[in-house]
Amino acid sequence: MQGNAAPVYRRGKYWLDKLRRADGGERSPRWYVFWYDPVARREASASTGTEDVDQAILALDRRYLGDASEAPAYCYACGQPLASAEAYLLTDAIADYRLEHGDLKDSADSIQARLKHVLDFIEAEEGRGGSFGLETSCAVACGMPFITAFRAWSKDQPVTWRNKAGEVTASRPRSAATTEESVLQVAAALNHAADADPPRSERRPIYKPLPRKQVSRPRRVRVDVPVLADMLAYAAETDKKRVSLHAFIVASLCTVARPDSVVDISVAPHREQWFPGSPTLDLNPFGRAQTNKYRPVIPVVPVLANWLKAELAAYERLDKDKRAGAGFLVNYFGRGVQDVDRAWSTMLTELKLPKGREWKPYLLRHSLATLLRNRGVAKWDLEGFMGHDVTGSTEVYAIGRFATVANALNDILGEVDAKAPGALRRRSAEVGLSGPLAEEAKMTG
């Protein structure tokens, strides 16, 4: 091994380090995978091709998993692979789960964050000489003592946000629900090890995450029509860089969808969410697998239809070679966005509204759902429109019109428009989106 320092990462016979000169200086900023070659009787190495240590670790994991000599132990009598939870480390199980499953999912960032919290616990245990350090095996991790200790530790760890320099810029106390998300994810990694072919572990976790109703505090904050109108009027102000926020608020009011579904609405034909004249909008784009947070097919109210038509016209004006990534209803200079959190936070400050957990963009969905329910919409309509209770086969065959929801929603939009005249029109922010429509270029909304 080069030098005397411990490697950044080790797995089986492989370790991660920089290629160094005789004096210890780095020859290259890129990370290399090293191993001892018994045939050549010397160290061998291969570049990972990256300076990012996380990507380099993934490159080492891929090499490890592709090495037949590093496969599970085999029975000397029958030649069948042996699964050993006692020998298979939890850190390796997490690495393999991410590589083979987690990093391939749409929710890869969330999975990574939840598992990192578990790895932080292991490092903390290692540092203090606790019972669950780096040598923790899958057998140990499957037991209640491990998860009980993790829950106790996690309770005192704040959730933090960091800037590009790695400095903590904000933090909040960790909720029990956040801890249980990590419990769910580590259980998934352990089950993945048992389900592998050949299996890497013969054990499965004996615990399950606590039910969300048990660990989540119900969100109580809701806003009424006047506050919704204030938000919309703020976002629709002309000559302001608020076009993404404007589109997000309008789309949220028209769909009552979750924030991640709202920013995913697109008129691009290959996504098959909406086509000209269609009375429905599919919140789940073509090719995306449904999850527990089901995205339904919903009716298009007139306000939303105008926005979709305008966005499609802007999309079709683009040269075909420039359409990739375009067509999103919520966009910034023609390209989709992941969220509007920063603009939303600024809006709360400007409107002198509270901030905090219950004032995130989800507030729009919760508030609209409350308004609709209190206006007497049919329970089945509201559940279907919001993507709730859709486990039966009915949703596969029958697309709901959700008439009571659509009618009540149009009434609410009319009340919002009365308090914020013109703010529901897309042309209020037309220039900042995908370019003005020819017939509306001189209109300011």
Protein backbone atom coordinates (compact mmCIF):
# COMPACT_ATOMS: atom_id res chain seq x y z
CA MET A 1 0.00 0.00 0.00
CA GLN A 2 1.31 3.44 -0.90
CA GLY A 3 2.46 5.36 2.17
CA ASN A 4 1.57 4.51 5.74
CA ALA A 5 -1.72 6.38 6.09
CA ALA A 6 -4.97 4.42 6.25
CA PRO A 7 -6.79 4.30 2.89
CA VAL A 8 -9.82 6.49 2.30
CA TYR A 9 -11.91 3.39 1.56
CA ARG A 10 -11.23 -0.36 1.50
CA ARG A 11 -13.32 -3.28 0.26
CA GLY A 12 -11.89 -6.80 0.18
CA LYS A 13 -8.50 -6.68 -1.51
CA TYR A 14 -9.14 -3.24 -3.01
CA TRP A 15 -8.39 0.16 -1.51
CA LEU A 16 -8.75 3.76 -2.67
CA ASP A 17 -5.88 6.24 -2.74
CA LYS A 18 -4.07 8.80 -4.89
CA LEU A 19 -1.23 7.82 -7.20
CA ARG A 20 1.85 9.19 -5.44
CA ARG A 21 5.48 10.00 -6.13
CA ALA A 22 8.33 8.66 -4.02
CA ASP A 23 8.14 11.74 -1.80
CA GLY A 24 4.44 11.17 -1.15
CA GLY A 25 3.21 13.96 -3.43
CA GLU A 26 0.20 13.37 -5.67
CA ARG A 27 0.87 12.57 -9.32
CA SER A 28 -2.73 13.18 -10.29
CA PRO A 29 -5.79 14.75 -8.68
CA ARG A 30 -7.81 11.67 -9.68
CA TRP A 31 -8.48 8.76 -7.34
CA TYR A 32 -7.08 5.29 -8.06
CA VAL A 33 -8.16 1.79 -7.06
CA PHE A 34 -5.22 -0.29 -5.77
CA TRP A 35 -4.87 -4.03 -5.12
CA TYR A 36 -2.10 -6.58 -4.76
CA ASP A 37 -1.59 -8.72 -7.85
CA PRO A 38 -0.33 -12.14 -6.66
CA VAL A 39 0.73 -13.19 -10.18
CA ALA A 40 2.88 -10.12 -10.79
CA ARG A 41 3.81 -9.99 -7.08
CA ARG A 42 3.30 -6.25 -6.90
CA GLU A 43 0.64 -3.61 -6.38
CA ALA A 44 -1.61 -2.86 -9.33
CA SER A 45 -3.80 0.19 -9.84
CA ALA A 46 -6.49 1.59 -12.09
CA SER A 47 -7.75 5.14 -12.35
CA THR A 48 -11.35 5.83 -11.35
CA GLY A 49 -11.36 8.75 -13.78
CA THR A 50 -12.73 11.15 -11.19
CA GLU A 51 -11.59 13.57 -8.50
CA ASP A 52 -14.86 13.15 -6.60
CA VAL A 53 -14.30 10.74 -3.72
CA ASP A 54 -17.95 9.57 -3.64
CA GLN A 55 -17.83 8.65 -7.33
CA ALA A 56 -14.45 7.00 -6.80
CA ILE A 57 -15.89 4.83 -4.02
CA LEU A 58 -18.68 3.74 -6.37
CA ALA A 59 -16.03 2.84 -8.99
CA LEU A 60 -14.24 0.67 -6.42
CA ASP A 61 -17.52 -1.00 -5.44
CA ARG A 62 -18.23 -1.81 -9.10
CA ARG A 63 -14.80 -3.40 -9.48
CA TYR A 64 -15.29 -5.39 -6.28
CA LEU A 65 -18.70 -6.71 -7.31
CA GLY A 66 -17.37 -7.63 -10.75
CA ASP A 67 -14.48 -9.65 -9.30
CA ALA A 68 -15.39 -13.35 -9.14
CA SER A 69 -12.61 -13.98 -6.63
CA GLU A 70 -14.34 -11.59 -4.22
CA ALA A 71 -17.69 -13.42 -4.44
CA PRO A 72 -19.31 -15.06 -1.38
CA ALA A 73 -17.65 -18.12 0.15
CA TYR A 74 -18.53 -21.49 -1.38
CA CYS A 75 -19.26 -24.79 0.31
CA TYR A 76 -16.30 -27.16 -0.10
CA ALA A 77 -18.65 -30.17 -0.36
CA CYS A 78 -21.34 -29.07 -2.82
CA GLY A 79 -19.87 -25.94 -4.37
CA GLN A 80 -22.92 -23.81 -3.59
CA PRO A 81 -22.38 -20.19 -2.49
CA LEU A 82 -22.70 -19.57 1.24
CA ALA A 83 -24.58 -16.54 2.53
CA SER A 84 -23.08 -15.26 5.76
CA ALA A 85 -24.65 -12.38 7.63
CA GLU A 86 -21.90 -12.79 10.22
CA ALA A 87 -19.18 -12.06 7.68
CA TYR A 88 -20.94 -9.52 5.43
CA LEU A 89 -20.47 -6.01 6.78
CA LEU A 90 -23.36 -3.57 7.00
CA THR A 91 -21.26 -0.89 5.27
CA ASP A 92 -20.75 -3.29 2.34
CA ALA A 93 -24.46 -4.13 2.25
CA ILE A 94 -25.29 -0.40 2.07
CA ALA A 95 -22.72 0.16 -0.68
CA ASP A 96 -24.04 -2.74 -2.76
CA TYR A 97 -27.65 -1.68 -2.25
CA ARG A 98 -26.91 1.83 -3.50
CA LEU A 99 -24.91 0.59 -6.46
CA GLU A 100 -27.37 -2.07 -7.60
CA HIS A 101 -30.67 -0.46 -6.65
CA GLY A 102 -30.80 2.85 -4.77
CA ASP A 103 -28.75 4.97 -7.18
CA LEU A 104 -30.91 3.80 -10.08
CA LYS A 105 -34.15 5.10 -8.55
CA ASP A 106 -35.74 8.52 -9.07
CA SER A 107 -35.44 8.98 -5.31
CA ALA A 108 -31.67 8.28 -5.32
CA ASP A 109 -30.79 11.52 -3.51
CA SER A 110 -33.23 10.78 -0.68
CA ILE A 111 -32.00 7.20 -0.39
CA GLN A 112 -28.40 8.38 -0.22
CA ALA A 113 -29.19 10.92 2.50
CA ARG A 114 -31.07 8.39 4.63
CA LEU A 115 -28.31 5.81 4.40
CA LYS A 116 -25.63 8.41 5.07
CA HIS A 117 -27.35 9.08 8.38
CA VAL A 118 -26.93 5.39 9.24
CA LEU A 119 -23.25 5.52 8.21
CA ASP A 120 -22.80 8.63 10.37
CA PHE A 121 -24.12 6.59 13.32
CA ILE A 122 -21.61 3.81 12.61
CA GLU A 123 -18.75 6.33 12.45
CA ALA A 124 -19.91 7.94 15.70
CA GLU A 125 -19.99 4.51 17.36
CA GLU A 126 -16.51 3.76 16.02
CA GLY A 127 -15.20 7.06 17.34
CA ARG A 128 -16.50 6.51 20.86
CA GLY A 129 -15.70 2.81 20.98
CA GLY A 130 -19.37 1.78 20.96
CA SER A 131 -20.87 -1.59 20.13
CA PHE A 132 -21.78 -0.81 16.51
CA GLY A 133 -18.63 0.47 14.75
CA LEU A 134 -17.28 -0.16 11.28
CA GLU A 135 -17.08 -3.92 11.84
CA THR A 136 -20.85 -4.18 12.38
CA SER A 137 -22.10 -7.16 10.36
CA CYS A 138 -25.48 -7.64 8.74
CA ALA A 139 -26.28 -10.22 11.43
CA VAL A 140 -25.83 -7.58 14.13
CA ALA A 141 -27.62 -4.87 12.10
CA CYS A 142 -30.68 -7.11 11.73
CA GLY A 143 -31.24 -7.16 15.49
CA MET A 144 -33.25 -4.87 17.75
CA PRO A 145 -30.23 -3.68 19.84
CA PHE A 146 -28.71 -2.07 16.73
CA ILE A 147 -31.84 -0.23 15.66
CA THR A 148 -32.69 0.80 19.23
CA ALA A 149 -29.23 2.35 19.63
CA PHE A 150 -29.56 4.05 16.24
CA ARG A 151 -32.93 5.59 17.14
CA ALA A 152 -31.58 6.88 20.45
CA TRP A 153 -28.55 8.45 18.74
CA SER A 154 -30.55 9.89 15.83
CA LYS A 155 -32.97 11.70 18.12
CA ASP A 156 -30.18 14.09 19.18
CA GLN A 157 -28.78 14.74 15.68
CA PRO A 158 -30.10 17.90 13.97
CA VAL A 159 -30.96 17.99 10.30
CA THR A 160 -28.47 20.34 8.63
CA TRP A 161 -28.11 22.13 5.31
CA ARG A 162 -24.68 22.95 3.90
CA ASN A 163 -23.40 25.29 1.21
CA LYS A 164 -21.00 24.33 -1.57
CA ALA A 165 -18.07 24.85 0.80
CA GLY A 166 -19.50 22.28 3.18
CA GLU A 167 -20.41 24.85 5.83
CA VAL A 168 -23.62 24.39 7.80
CA THR A 169 -25.99 27.19 6.84
CA ALA A 170 -29.17 26.03 8.60
CA SER A 171 -30.37 23.32 10.94
CA ARG A 172 -33.47 22.09 12.73
CA PRO A 173 -34.22 19.36 15.28
CA ARG A 174 -34.61 15.93 13.73
CA SER A 175 -38.14 14.57 13.75
CA ALA A 176 -38.93 10.98 14.65
CA ALA A 177 -40.37 10.54 11.15
CA THR A 178 -37.00 11.43 9.58
CA THR A 179 -35.27 8.83 11.74
CA GLU A 180 -37.79 6.19 10.67
CA GLU A 181 -37.07 6.94 7.01
CA SER A 182 -33.47 5.87 7.66
CA VAL A 183 -34.73 2.77 9.52
CA LEU A 184 -36.82 1.91 6.45
CA GLN A 185 -33.83 2.39 4.15
CA VAL A 186 -31.33 0.32 6.15
CA ALA A 187 -33.93 -2.47 6.38
CA ALA A 188 -34.25 -2.30 2.58
CA ALA A 189 -30.46 -2.62 2.23
CA LEU A 190 -30.40 -5.66 4.52
CA ASN A 191 -33.27 -7.32 2.63
CA HIS A 192 -31.46 -6.58 -0.64
CA ALA A 193 -28.47 -8.54 0.67
CA ALA A 194 -30.69 -11.52 1.46
CA ASP A 195 -32.42 -11.30 -1.95
CA ALA A 196 -29.19 -11.10 -3.98
CA ASP A 197 -28.29 -13.91 -6.38
CA PRO A 198 -26.36 -15.58 -4.87
CA PRO A 199 -27.47 -14.35 -1.42
CA ARG A 200 -24.91 -12.41 0.57
CA SER A 201 -26.76 -12.74 3.86
CA GLU A 202 -29.19 -15.28 5.31
CA ARG A 203 -30.64 -12.83 7.84
CA ARG A 204 -33.40 -10.26 7.54
CA PRO A 205 -34.14 -7.39 9.92
CA ILE A 206 -36.55 -8.34 12.69
CA TYR A 207 -37.79 -4.76 13.00
CA LYS A 208 -39.91 -2.43 10.86
CA PRO A 209 -40.11 1.37 10.80
CA LEU A 210 -42.69 2.82 13.13
CA PRO A 211 -45.95 3.83 11.36
CA ARG A 212 -45.95 7.41 10.09
CA LYS A 213 -49.09 8.21 12.07
CA GLN A 214 -47.18 7.29 15.22
CA VAL A 215 -44.12 9.46 14.58
CA SER A 216 -45.40 12.38 12.49
CA ARG A 217 -47.04 15.44 13.97
CA PRO A 218 -50.10 16.38 11.89
CA ARG A 219 -49.69 19.57 9.89
CA ARG A 220 -52.23 22.07 11.21
CA VAL A 221 -51.46 25.24 9.26
CA ARG A 222 -53.78 26.09 6.37
CA VAL A 223 -54.35 29.35 4.48
CA ASP A 224 -57.59 30.67 2.98
CA VAL A 225 -58.41 32.34 -0.33
CA PRO A 226 -57.17 35.86 0.63
CA VAL A 227 -53.66 34.56 1.46
CA LEU A 228 -53.58 32.43 -1.68
CA ALA A 229 -54.48 35.54 -3.67
CA ASP A 230 -51.69 37.53 -1.99
CA MET A 231 -49.17 34.84 -2.86
CA LEU A 232 -50.34 34.71 -6.45
CA ALA A 233 -50.34 38.50 -6.84
CA TYR A 234 -46.78 38.65 -5.50
CA ALA A 235 -45.56 35.93 -7.89
CA ALA A 236 -47.31 37.52 -10.90
CA GLU A 237 -45.81 41.00 -10.51
CA THR A 238 -44.36 42.15 -13.81
CA ASP A 239 -40.66 42.93 -14.30
CA LYS A 240 -39.74 40.53 -11.47
CA LYS A 241 -37.80 37.28 -11.76
CA ARG A 242 -40.63 35.23 -10.28
CA VAL A 243 -41.78 33.30 -13.31
CA SER A 244 -41.05 29.86 -11.85
CA LEU A 245 -42.85 30.71 -8.62
CA HIS A 246 -45.81 32.12 -10.56
CA ALA A 247 -46.20 28.98 -12.65
CA PHE A 248 -45.77 26.78 -9.59
CA ILE A 249 -48.51 28.52 -7.61
CA VAL A 250 -50.97 28.51 -10.51
CA ALA A 251 -50.30 24.84 -11.31
CA SER A 252 -50.63 23.92 -7.63
CA LEU A 253 -53.98 25.71 -7.37
CA CYS A 254 -55.25 23.96 -10.49
CA THR A 255 -54.05 20.44 -9.68
CA VAL A 256 -53.82 20.20 -5.85
CA ALA A 257 -50.74 18.10 -6.61
CA ARG A 258 -47.64 17.48 -4.55
CA PRO A 259 -44.78 19.92 -5.24
CA ASP A 260 -42.63 17.28 -6.96
CA SER A 261 -45.53 16.44 -9.28
CA VAL A 262 -46.16 20.11 -10.08
CA VAL A 263 -42.58 20.80 -11.24
CA ASP A 264 -42.78 17.62 -13.33
CA ILE A 265 -45.72 18.77 -15.50
CA SER A 266 -44.61 19.03 -19.12
CA VAL A 267 -46.24 19.48 -22.53
CA ALA A 268 -43.41 17.70 -24.37
CA PRO A 269 -45.14 15.04 -26.54
CA HIS A 270 -42.77 12.21 -25.58
CA ARG A 271 -43.84 12.53 -21.93
CA GLU A 272 -47.49 11.86 -22.86
CA GLN A 273 -48.94 13.95 -20.04
CA TRP A 274 -51.16 16.24 -22.09
CA PHE A 275 -51.98 16.91 -25.72
CA PRO A 276 -53.91 19.82 -27.29
CA GLY A 277 -57.59 19.66 -26.47
CA SER A 278 -57.22 16.85 -23.95
CA PRO A 279 -59.60 17.26 -20.99
CA THR A 280 -57.19 15.40 -18.70
CA LEU A 281 -53.60 15.74 -17.47
CA ASP A 282 -51.54 12.72 -16.43
CA LEU A 283 -49.36 13.81 -13.51
CA ASN A 284 -47.21 10.72 -14.03
CA PRO A 285 -45.06 11.10 -17.18
CA PHE A 286 -44.55 8.18 -19.56
CA GLY A 287 -41.84 5.81 -18.36
CA ARG A 288 -41.99 6.84 -14.71
CA ALA A 289 -43.02 4.05 -12.35
CA GLN A 290 -45.78 4.86 -9.89
CA THR A 291 -44.78 4.92 -6.22
CA ASN A 292 -46.75 4.97 -2.96
CA LYS A 293 -47.24 8.67 -3.64
CA TYR A 294 -49.52 7.94 -6.54
CA ARG A 295 -49.81 10.50 -9.36
CA PRO A 296 -53.33 10.42 -10.82
CA VAL A 297 -54.91 11.49 -14.11
CA ILE A 298 -56.94 14.62 -13.37
CA PRO A 299 -59.31 16.89 -15.28
CA VAL A 300 -57.83 20.09 -16.73
CA VAL A 301 -59.62 23.17 -15.42
CA PRO A 302 -59.85 26.14 -17.85
CA VAL A 303 -57.11 28.19 -16.16
CA LEU A 304 -54.65 25.33 -16.45
CA ALA A 305 -55.70 24.63 -20.04
CA ASN A 306 -54.68 28.17 -21.04
CA TRP A 307 -51.25 27.74 -19.45
CA LEU A 308 -50.70 24.36 -21.09
CA LYS A 309 -51.69 25.72 -24.52
CA ALA A 310 -49.34 28.67 -24.15
CA GLU A 311 -46.44 26.49 -23.04
CA LEU A 312 -47.01 24.07 -25.92
CA ALA A 313 -46.99 26.98 -28.40
CA ALA A 314 -43.68 28.16 -26.94
CA TYR A 315 -42.30 24.61 -27.12
CA GLU A 316 -43.30 24.18 -30.77
CA ARG A 317 -41.63 27.48 -31.73
CA LEU A 318 -38.27 26.04 -30.68
CA ASP A 319 -36.06 24.37 -33.25
CA LYS A 320 -36.31 20.60 -32.87
CA ASP A 321 -32.69 20.30 -31.78
CA LYS A 322 -33.38 22.72 -28.91
CA ARG A 323 -36.46 21.02 -27.48
CA ALA A 324 -34.63 18.59 -25.22
CA GLY A 325 -35.40 19.57 -21.62
CA ALA A 326 -38.02 22.15 -22.66
CA GLY A 327 -41.79 22.09 -22.25
CA PHE A 328 -42.01 22.16 -18.47
CA LEU A 329 -44.82 24.31 -17.14
CA VAL A 330 -42.71 25.39 -14.17
CA ASN A 331 -39.47 26.54 -15.75
CA TYR A 332 -36.70 29.09 -15.59
CA PHE A 333 -35.83 30.58 -18.98
CA GLY A 334 -37.34 27.54 -20.67
CA ARG A 335 -35.74 24.79 -18.59
CA GLY A 336 -37.37 22.77 -15.83
CA VAL A 337 -36.55 23.31 -12.16
CA GLN A 338 -36.26 20.87 -9.26
CA ASP A 339 -38.12 23.08 -6.81
CA VAL A 340 -39.01 26.70 -6.01
CA ASP A 341 -37.90 26.60 -2.38
CA ARG A 342 -35.69 29.69 -2.52
CA ALA A 343 -38.28 31.84 -4.28
CA TRP A 344 -40.95 30.51 -1.91
CA SER A 345 -38.89 31.45 1.15
CA THR A 346 -38.32 34.96 -0.23
CA MET A 347 -42.06 35.33 -0.84
CA LEU A 348 -42.87 34.40 2.76
CA THR A 349 -40.44 37.07 3.96
CA GLU A 350 -41.80 39.74 1.62
CA LEU A 351 -45.41 39.00 2.56
CA LYS A 352 -44.49 38.88 6.27
CA LEU A 353 -45.80 35.34 6.58
CA PRO A 354 -44.38 32.82 9.07
CA LYS A 355 -41.64 30.37 8.12
CA GLY A 356 -41.03 26.88 9.33
CA ARG A 357 -41.91 23.28 8.70
CA GLU A 358 -45.61 23.88 8.08
CA TRP A 359 -45.06 26.81 5.71
CA LYS A 360 -43.25 24.90 2.98
CA PRO A 361 -44.71 24.68 -0.57
CA TYR A 362 -46.78 21.67 0.55
CA LEU A 363 -48.98 24.28 2.23
CA LEU A 364 -50.75 24.87 -1.09
CA ARG A 365 -51.85 21.24 -1.43
CA HIS A 366 -52.96 20.99 2.17
CA SER A 367 -54.85 24.28 2.03
CA LEU A 368 -56.64 23.47 -1.23
CA ALA A 369 -57.60 20.03 0.05
CA THR A 370 -59.08 21.61 3.17
CA LEU A 371 -61.00 24.22 1.17
CA LEU A 372 -62.40 21.55 -1.14
CA ARG A 373 -63.43 19.26 1.69
CA ASN A 374 -65.13 22.05 3.59
CA ARG A 375 -67.09 22.94 0.46
CA GLY A 376 -68.69 19.52 0.44
CA VAL A 377 -66.97 17.78 -2.49
CA ALA A 378 -67.55 14.05 -2.76
CA LYS A 379 -65.13 11.99 -0.71
CA TRP A 380 -64.38 9.61 -3.61
CA ASP A 381 -63.74 12.57 -5.93
CA LEU A 382 -61.31 14.23 -3.53
CA GLU A 383 -59.42 11.00 -2.85
CA GLY A 384 -59.07 10.23 -6.55
CA PHE A 385 -58.08 13.78 -7.49
CA MET A 386 -55.34 13.81 -4.85
CA GLY A 387 -54.03 10.32 -5.65
CA HIS A 388 -55.20 8.76 -2.38
CA ASP A 389 -56.73 5.33 -1.87
CA VAL A 390 -55.92 4.07 -5.37
CA THR A 391 -54.92 0.49 -4.61
CA GLY A 392 -57.87 -1.10 -6.42
CA SER A 393 -58.25 -2.04 -10.07
CA THR A 394 -60.83 0.70 -10.65
CA GLU A 395 -58.11 3.30 -11.21
CA VAL A 396 -56.62 1.16 -13.99
CA TYR A 397 -59.81 1.09 -16.03
CA ALA A 398 -61.86 4.13 -15.05
CA ILE A 399 -60.53 7.68 -15.33
CA GLY A 400 -62.51 9.82 -12.92
CA ARG A 401 -64.00 13.15 -13.93
CA PHE A 402 -64.06 14.26 -10.30
CA ALA A 403 -66.86 16.68 -11.15
CA THR A 404 -67.48 17.95 -7.62
CA VAL A 405 -63.77 18.75 -7.16
CA ALA A 406 -63.43 20.42 -10.57
CA ASN A 407 -66.52 22.61 -9.95
CA ALA A 408 -65.39 23.64 -6.47
CA LEU A 409 -61.87 24.29 -7.74
CA ASN A 410 -63.19 26.60 -10.46
CA ASP A 411 -65.15 28.49 -7.80
CA ILE A 412 -62.03 28.90 -5.66
CA LEU A 413 -59.99 30.08 -8.66
CA GLY A 414 -62.71 32.62 -9.44
CA GLU A 415 -62.49 33.96 -5.89
CA VAL A 416 -58.70 34.16 -6.13
CA ASP A 417 -58.96 36.00 -9.44
CA ALA A 418 -61.41 38.50 -7.92
CA LYS A 419 -58.90 39.35 -5.18
CA ALA A 420 -55.86 39.29 -7.50
CA PRO A 421 -57.19 40.36 -10.93
CA GLY A 422 -55.17 39.02 -13.85
CA ALA A 423 -52.70 37.13 -11.70
CA LEU A 424 -53.93 33.74 -12.92
CA ARG A 425 -53.03 34.56 -16.53
CA ARG A 426 -49.79 33.12 -17.85
CA ARG A 427 -48.94 36.23 -19.86
CA SER A 428 -48.24 38.01 -16.61
CA ALA A 429 -44.87 36.21 -16.71
CA GLU A 430 -44.74 35.32 -20.41
CA VAL A 431 -41.42 36.98 -21.25
CA GLY A 432 -39.57 35.16 -18.50
CA LEU A 433 -40.79 31.72 -19.48
CA SER A 434 -40.26 30.39 -22.98
CA GLY A 435 -40.69 33.63 -24.91
CA PRO A 436 -43.85 35.70 -25.59
CA LEU A 437 -46.60 34.50 -27.83
CA ALA A 438 -46.79 36.70 -30.89
CA GLU A 439 -50.33 37.82 -30.20
CA GLU A 440 -49.56 38.62 -26.54
CA ALA A 441 -46.08 40.16 -26.76
CA LYS A 442 -47.31 43.67 -25.95
CA MET A 443 -49.60 42.63 -23.13
CA THR A 444 -48.42 43.04 -19.58
CA GLY A 445 -51.27 41.26 -17.77
